[in-house]
Each structure stands twice: as C-alpha cells, then as structure tokens.
Protein backbone atom coordinates (compact mmCIF):
# COMPACT_ATOMS: atom_id res chain seq x y z
CA MET A 1 6.54 -29.98 42.58
CA ALA A 2 8.54 -32.24 41.03
CA SER A 3 9.16 -31.58 37.46
CA ALA A 4 8.35 -34.09 34.66
CA GLU A 5 11.77 -35.68 34.66
CA ALA A 6 12.93 -32.13 34.44
CA SER A 7 15.82 -31.01 36.39
CA SER A 8 16.56 -34.70 37.08
CA SER A 9 16.72 -37.97 35.50
CA ASP A 10 13.61 -39.46 36.44
CA ALA A 11 11.46 -36.67 38.14
CA PRO A 12 8.95 -34.71 36.32
CA PRO A 13 9.47 -32.61 35.12
CA ASP A 14 11.24 -34.50 36.99
CA ALA A 15 14.00 -33.46 36.46
CA THR A 16 17.95 -31.66 38.24
CA ALA A 17 21.61 -32.04 39.17
CA GLU A 18 20.98 -35.94 39.76
CA SER A 19 21.24 -36.66 35.91
CA ALA A 20 23.66 -34.14 34.76
CA ASP A 21 25.73 -37.30 33.56
CA VAL A 22 22.68 -38.86 31.69
CA ARG A 23 25.54 -41.94 31.17
CA VAL A 24 24.45 -43.19 34.47
CA THR A 25 27.55 -44.60 36.16
CA LYS A 26 26.64 -43.25 39.78
CA PRO A 27 28.02 -45.69 42.72
CA VAL A 28 25.95 -46.79 45.55
CA HIS A 29 26.65 -44.40 48.22
CA ASP A 30 27.99 -45.48 51.25
CA GLY A 31 26.32 -42.97 53.85
CA GLY A 32 24.19 -45.34 56.07
CA ARG A 33 20.66 -45.27 56.73
CA ALA A 34 20.35 -41.46 57.08
CA ARG A 35 21.98 -40.76 53.54
CA ALA A 36 19.52 -43.19 51.99
CA PHE A 37 16.67 -41.48 53.48
CA TYR A 38 18.01 -38.20 52.47
CA GLU A 39 18.42 -39.66 48.85
CA LEU A 40 14.76 -40.77 48.96
CA THR A 41 13.97 -36.94 48.92
CA LYS A 42 15.99 -36.18 45.76
CA PRO A 43 17.78 -33.35 47.09
CA GLY A 44 18.48 -31.57 43.48
CA ILE A 45 15.06 -31.57 42.34
CA ALA A 46 13.62 -30.46 45.83
CA GLY A 47 16.48 -27.68 45.57
CA PHE A 48 15.16 -26.49 42.06
CA VAL A 49 11.53 -26.72 43.62
CA MET A 50 12.27 -24.52 46.80
CA MET A 51 14.30 -21.89 44.66
CA THR A 52 11.33 -21.80 41.95
CA ALA A 53 8.76 -21.19 45.11
CA GLY A 54 10.81 -18.91 46.71
CA VAL A 55 11.33 -16.61 43.75
CA SER A 56 7.64 -16.59 42.72
CA TYR A 57 7.01 -15.72 46.23
CA PHE A 58 9.05 -12.71 46.14
CA VAL A 59 7.69 -11.82 42.82
CA GLY A 60 4.19 -12.16 44.15
CA ALA A 61 5.22 -9.79 47.05
CA ALA A 62 6.20 -7.06 44.67
CA GLY A 63 9.86 -7.41 46.05
CA GLN A 64 8.70 -6.66 49.61
CA ALA A 65 8.65 -10.18 51.18
CA ALA A 66 8.87 -10.61 54.78
CA LEU A 67 11.68 -13.07 55.80
CA ILE A 68 9.27 -15.21 58.02
CA PRO A 69 6.45 -16.12 55.39
CA VAL A 70 9.51 -16.99 53.05
CA LEU A 71 10.94 -19.19 55.25
CA HIS A 72 7.85 -20.80 56.07
CA THR A 73 7.26 -21.34 52.05
CA LEU A 74 10.43 -22.75 51.65
CA LEU A 75 10.14 -25.27 54.37
CA GLY A 76 6.75 -26.66 53.80
CA THR A 77 7.45 -26.77 49.91
CA VAL A 78 10.75 -28.54 50.51
CA LEU A 79 9.31 -30.99 52.96
CA ALA A 80 6.07 -31.96 50.82
CA THR A 81 8.53 -32.13 47.66
CA GLY A 82 10.79 -34.40 49.39
CA GLY A 83 8.01 -36.67 50.30
CA ALA A 84 6.30 -36.70 46.91
CA LEU A 85 9.76 -37.97 45.45
CA ALA A 86 10.23 -40.27 47.85
CA LEU A 87 6.51 -41.60 47.28
CA ASN A 88 7.34 -41.87 43.67
CA GLN A 89 10.16 -44.14 44.27
CA TYR A 90 8.21 -46.43 46.25
CA LEU A 91 5.51 -46.64 43.47
CA GLU A 92 8.41 -47.19 40.88
CA ARG A 93 10.55 -49.29 42.57
CA ASP A 94 10.03 -52.18 40.68
CA VAL A 95 10.91 -50.70 37.41
CA ASP A 96 13.96 -48.86 39.20
CA ARG A 97 15.35 -52.13 39.43
CA LEU A 98 15.31 -52.56 35.58
CA MET A 99 16.87 -49.22 34.52
CA PHE A 100 20.77 -48.90 34.89
CA ARG A 101 20.54 -45.27 36.01
CA THR A 102 17.77 -45.99 39.02
CA ARG A 103 18.83 -49.46 40.07
CA ARG A 104 21.06 -47.96 42.71
CA ARG A 105 18.70 -45.98 44.69
CA PRO A 106 17.61 -46.54 48.13
CA ILE A 107 14.97 -49.19 47.64
CA PRO A 108 16.12 -50.97 44.51
CA SER A 109 19.89 -51.18 46.28
CA GLY A 110 18.12 -52.49 49.37
CA ARG A 111 19.37 -49.75 51.72
CA VAL A 112 15.41 -48.91 52.48
CA THR A 113 12.38 -51.29 52.35
CA PRO A 114 9.37 -50.26 50.55
CA ALA A 115 7.32 -50.04 53.45
CA GLU A 116 9.98 -47.65 55.06
CA ALA A 117 9.84 -45.43 51.87
CA LEU A 118 6.07 -45.20 51.91
CA ILE A 119 5.71 -44.24 55.51
CA PHE A 120 8.33 -41.67 55.32
CA GLY A 121 7.31 -40.34 52.14
CA SER A 122 3.85 -40.01 53.37
CA ALA A 123 5.06 -38.48 56.63
CA LEU A 124 7.01 -35.85 55.09
CA THR A 125 4.24 -34.92 52.52
CA ALA A 126 1.41 -34.78 55.05
CA VAL A 127 3.97 -32.69 57.69
CA GLY A 128 5.03 -30.47 54.47
CA THR A 129 1.14 -29.58 53.45
CA GLY A 130 0.04 -29.43 57.06
CA TYR A 131 2.87 -26.88 57.64
CA LEU A 132 1.87 -24.74 54.62
CA PHE A 133 -1.72 -24.89 55.82
CA VAL A 134 -0.80 -23.70 59.26
CA THR A 135 1.43 -20.90 58.30
CA LEU A 136 0.37 -19.80 55.03
CA GLY A 137 -3.42 -20.88 54.62
CA TRP A 138 -5.27 -23.19 52.67
CA LEU A 139 -4.36 -22.25 49.29
CA PRO A 140 -0.76 -22.97 49.04
CA ALA A 141 -1.31 -26.17 50.94
CA ALA A 142 -3.84 -27.23 48.40
CA LEU A 143 -1.70 -26.40 45.44
CA THR A 144 1.08 -28.46 47.03
CA LEU A 145 -1.35 -31.50 47.73
CA PHE A 146 -2.77 -31.38 44.39
CA SER A 147 1.01 -31.13 42.92
CA ALA A 148 1.97 -34.10 44.80
CA ALA A 149 -1.13 -36.19 43.60
CA ALA A 150 -0.73 -35.25 39.95
CA TYR A 151 2.77 -36.43 40.18
CA ASN A 152 2.18 -39.61 41.62
CA LEU A 153 -1.08 -40.40 40.99
CA ALA A 154 -1.25 -39.05 37.00
CA TYR A 155 2.14 -38.53 35.76
CA THR A 156 3.79 -41.79 37.19
CA PRO A 157 1.24 -44.36 36.27
CA LEU A 158 0.58 -42.72 32.80
CA LYS A 159 4.58 -43.02 32.07
CA SER A 160 3.96 -46.52 31.08
CA ARG A 161 0.76 -46.01 29.18
CA SER A 162 1.11 -42.99 26.96
CA TYR A 163 3.63 -40.41 25.46
CA SER A 164 1.12 -37.81 26.79
CA ALA A 165 2.94 -38.44 30.27
CA THR A 166 5.35 -35.68 29.59
CA LEU A 167 2.83 -32.78 29.21
CA VAL A 168 1.01 -34.08 31.95
CA GLY A 169 4.18 -34.40 34.27
CA ALA A 170 4.94 -30.91 33.48
CA ILE A 171 2.10 -29.76 35.48
CA PRO A 172 3.27 -30.66 38.67
CA GLY A 173 6.56 -29.82 37.64
CA ALA A 174 5.30 -26.05 37.33
CA MET A 175 3.37 -25.83 40.33
CA PRO A 176 5.98 -24.48 42.61
CA ALA A 177 5.28 -21.32 40.61
CA LEU A 178 1.71 -21.11 41.95
CA ILE A 179 2.63 -22.31 45.28
CA GLY A 180 4.86 -19.39 45.84
CA TRP A 181 2.56 -17.02 44.23
CA SER A 182 -0.25 -18.13 46.14
CA ALA A 183 1.67 -18.04 49.57
CA ALA A 184 2.54 -14.15 48.74
CA THR A 185 -0.85 -13.23 47.57
CA GLY A 186 -3.60 -15.50 48.98
CA THR A 187 -4.72 -16.04 45.57
CA VAL A 188 -3.89 -17.30 42.07
CA THR A 189 -3.99 -14.40 39.33
CA LEU A 190 -2.51 -13.57 36.07
CA GLY A 191 1.11 -13.06 37.55
CA GLY A 192 1.05 -16.47 38.92
CA LEU A 193 -0.43 -18.09 35.84
CA VAL A 194 2.37 -16.38 33.83
CA LEU A 195 5.13 -17.78 36.23
CA PHE A 196 3.42 -21.26 35.90
CA ALA A 197 3.39 -21.20 32.12
CA ILE A 198 7.16 -20.33 32.06
CA ALA A 199 8.06 -23.30 34.11
CA PHE A 200 5.90 -25.33 32.27
CA LEU A 201 7.33 -24.64 28.94
CA TRP A 202 10.81 -24.90 30.36
CA GLN A 203 10.81 -28.26 31.39
CA LEU A 204 9.92 -29.55 28.09
CA PRO A 205 12.55 -29.05 25.49
CA HIS A 206 14.60 -30.25 28.94
CA VAL A 207 12.84 -33.37 29.46
CA LEU A 208 12.42 -34.47 25.97
CA ALA A 209 16.13 -33.74 25.32
CA LEU A 210 16.73 -36.16 28.01
CA ALA A 211 14.28 -38.73 27.23
CA TRP A 212 15.83 -39.30 23.72
CA LEU A 213 19.10 -39.35 25.18
CA LEU A 214 18.01 -42.24 27.63
CA ARG A 215 15.42 -43.79 25.45
CA GLU A 216 16.88 -47.27 25.64
CA ASP A 217 16.85 -46.98 29.31
CA TYR A 218 13.34 -46.17 29.60
CA ALA A 219 12.28 -48.36 26.95
CA ARG A 220 13.59 -51.27 29.13
CA ALA A 221 11.35 -50.21 31.89
CA GLY A 222 8.33 -49.84 29.53
CA PHE A 223 8.28 -46.33 29.68
CA TYR A 224 6.52 -44.07 26.94
CA LEU A 225 8.62 -41.01 27.25
CA THR A 226 9.20 -40.75 23.30
CA PRO A 227 6.68 -41.73 20.74
CA PRO A 228 7.20 -45.29 19.75
CA ALA A 229 6.93 -44.54 16.21
CA ASP A 230 9.65 -42.01 16.57
CA ARG A 231 12.34 -44.40 15.40
CA ASP A 232 14.72 -41.23 14.39
CA GLY A 233 13.86 -38.71 16.74
CA ARG A 234 12.04 -36.26 14.22
CA ILE A 235 8.77 -36.04 16.21
CA ILE A 236 11.06 -35.19 19.47
CA ALA A 237 13.02 -32.60 17.37
CA ARG A 238 9.73 -30.66 16.17
CA GLN A 239 8.45 -30.70 19.42
CA MET A 240 11.72 -29.26 21.36
CA VAL A 241 11.87 -26.40 18.81
CA LEU A 242 8.09 -26.03 19.28
CA TYR A 243 7.94 -25.53 22.92
CA THR A 244 11.43 -23.56 22.99
CA VAL A 245 9.91 -21.24 20.40
CA ALA A 246 7.18 -20.86 22.78
CA LEU A 247 8.96 -20.25 25.75
CA LEU A 248 10.86 -17.49 24.49
CA PRO A 249 7.78 -15.01 24.32
CA VAL A 250 6.05 -16.25 27.28
CA SER A 251 9.18 -15.50 29.29
CA LEU A 252 9.22 -12.09 28.45
CA VAL A 253 5.65 -11.35 29.54
CA PRO A 254 6.72 -10.43 33.15
CA THR A 255 7.96 -7.33 32.17
CA LEU A 256 4.73 -6.55 29.82
CA ILE A 257 2.53 -6.95 32.76
CA ASN A 258 4.89 -4.84 35.23
CA LEU A 259 6.00 -7.74 37.46
CA THR A 260 9.71 -7.32 36.57
CA GLY A 261 11.94 -4.63 35.01
CA TRP A 262 14.02 -4.33 31.84
CA ILE A 263 16.84 -6.10 33.35
CA TYR A 264 14.79 -9.34 33.48
CA PHE A 265 13.50 -8.68 30.22
CA ALA A 266 16.98 -8.62 28.41
CA GLY A 267 18.17 -11.35 30.36
CA ALA A 268 15.43 -13.49 29.45
CA LEU A 269 15.53 -12.71 25.83
CA VAL A 270 19.48 -13.69 25.60
CA LEU A 271 18.72 -16.74 27.64
CA GLY A 272 15.74 -17.69 25.60
CA THR A 273 17.66 -16.89 22.18
CA VAL A 274 20.63 -19.07 23.27
CA LEU A 275 18.39 -21.98 24.37
CA LEU A 276 16.58 -21.83 21.04
CA ILE A 277 19.85 -21.63 18.97
CA TRP A 278 21.04 -24.90 20.67
CA THR A 279 17.72 -26.77 20.60
CA ILE A 280 17.60 -26.02 16.62
CA GLN A 281 20.89 -27.18 16.48
CA ALA A 282 20.14 -30.31 18.49
CA ALA A 283 17.10 -30.86 16.60
CA HIS A 284 18.72 -30.96 13.12
CA SER A 285 21.18 -33.46 13.89
CA MET A 286 19.78 -35.21 17.03
CA GLU A 287 23.27 -36.06 18.02
CA ARG A 288 24.14 -36.91 21.50
CA VAL A 289 26.75 -33.95 22.13
CA ALA A 290 23.88 -31.34 21.01
CA LEU A 291 21.29 -33.18 22.94
CA ARG A 292 23.30 -33.08 26.03
CA LYS A 293 23.81 -29.01 25.29
CA VAL A 294 20.18 -28.78 25.38
CA PHE A 295 19.91 -30.73 28.47
CA LEU A 296 22.65 -29.07 30.32
CA GLY A 297 22.01 -25.93 29.12
CA SER A 298 18.19 -25.56 30.13
CA LEU A 299 19.10 -26.98 33.52
CA GLY A 300 21.01 -23.79 33.77
CA TYR A 301 18.32 -21.65 32.08
CA GLN A 302 16.08 -21.98 35.09
CA PRO A 303 18.35 -20.54 38.05
CA LEU A 304 19.76 -17.75 35.80
CA LEU A 305 15.96 -16.71 34.58
CA LEU A 306 14.93 -16.99 38.28
CA GLY A 307 18.09 -14.79 39.18
CA PHE A 308 17.15 -12.11 36.93
CA MET A 309 13.72 -12.12 37.96
CA LEU A 310 14.72 -11.80 41.57
CA ILE A 311 17.05 -8.94 41.30
CA ASP A 312 14.57 -7.11 38.96
CA THR A 313 11.02 -7.56 40.48
CA LEU A 314 9.39 -4.08 40.24
CA PRO A 315 7.01 -2.75 43.18
CA ARG A 316 3.59 -2.42 42.17
CA GLY A 317 1.33 0.13 43.60
C-alpha cells in the first residue's frame, strides 16, 4: 500500500512527490474542504501505488491485459490506498502537530476534524477493498486489506518504539506489486514475489536517506526511524549500501525468469548501477547534498524501472 516513508515524507514506504523538498516549507493550501480531503489521501503516494499495481497486473498478464480488469485494479487500489493514508493521518494527528513538515496537514491545521478523517479514511478503505472483491476476487481484496492493516496497525505504532519499523513499513509499501499480480493471475507465484522483492528493497535506501535528512524532525515526534545510537550515520550508511547492493541483482531476475526481455534487463542494470554509485557516495560523506541525490534518485528509479518493465514484458506460453 503506502510505502514506509518511501515516496513520501511520511508514508511508508511511505514515501513520493510530497517530500521532494525535504526542507519542508509547504504553505497551507487554501483550496477549501474538498482540497483538504484530497490531501488526506496523499495523492503523490497513491499515484505511485496505483502505478505499481497496474504494471504488476500487466506483467502478470504477460502483456496481454484487458482494459476493464486493469481499470478495476487501478480504481480499487487507489481508493483503498487513499483511505489507508487518511487513517494514518488520523492515527498520527498528535505527532503531526510536532513536526515542521507535517503540522500543516489537514488535521493539525484544523481544516478537517479527527472524526471526519476517521470516517473518510475508513469509508475509502472499505469501498476500495470491497470494489476489488466484487470485480477481481477475494485474493486482491485480502492483500489490499492486509496492506492497510500492516501500515496502520503495525508500522505506524512501531515508528515510536523501534527502528525495525523501517523494515516493517516496507512490507505494505511493496504490497501493490502482489495486489496487481494477484488481480491478473488469481494467485501469488514466483513472478509476483520477485516484483514484491524489488519494491521492498527499493524503498529502503530511499527511506533511510530521508530518515537521516529529517532525523531532527522525526526525533521531535519521538520516531525511531534511525538507530538512536547512530550519532554519525555510519549504521544508516552501511544499510543504505547493503540494500542497494541487494536491489541490483534482484531487479534483474524478471528477465532471468522470462517475465521481461533484455531491454528491461539493460535498463534495470543501468538504473541499479547509478543508484548504487550515488548511495556509496552518500554513505562515504553522509552530507545533505549526496543524501538528497539518493532520495530523489530513488524517487525517479521506481517509475523508470516500471516503465522499462511495461514496454518489455514478454508474452508467456
């Protein structure tokens, strides 16, 4: 569902375009009530989720996806994701008031009441999950519900208790890959698990770079998104490199198991190598400019990788 801070300043992974400027100087949007509810859905993250689920469906269908089922997948996923993200803001409404980058969100800014956010988020999640159940079957709906629950009932409370929240949050962040795959195939097989693994690993250098950049703001809210003992960022640096090293070979597996062709393979190899170089450079210095390059570079990595996957899916059978 939403990534563990990934693709966003707060999601898992939730992280997207919402936090491209990690200095957090967003003004309050004066777009009325409709705008406030729209912001509750974190459209940047929801867009990433919808894109991942859609491409995963296409790959699962061996490039022969019918339009209507794809639209069902996109609509149900984006509704449920928006609802889960709204519920996250309800659950974190008190700490959002403490952090510079979140204090102007709809609830802490007073544009939406907590009760309204709870009702809105619950309704969207239920409608999106129910829609997937009716149109595509129980498995995509169950995976979507699991993702929303893992995000809000596991990752969200764990952020204030343990650094392991980063890994836990990457699970719902990678679930759209399985949701799309299961919508196309009716099951979860090796190909879907490979797409899940790519999405899982991609989030981690992205989130860790952001966590170090915003460590003071996170500390203000009592979030453990960096290890408390990691005073100079050495632990974060090693882990960013480790996960990026792991991502590179895993991202090549779709071609090795005949899900994609060699155009994707070449694209994934180039993207992964560039991201690894940037991550190693950032780990060496842990300076703001280098870390922002990893954060923004990883933000671009995902749609580019999905684009290569989309144009180079091999028909099977």
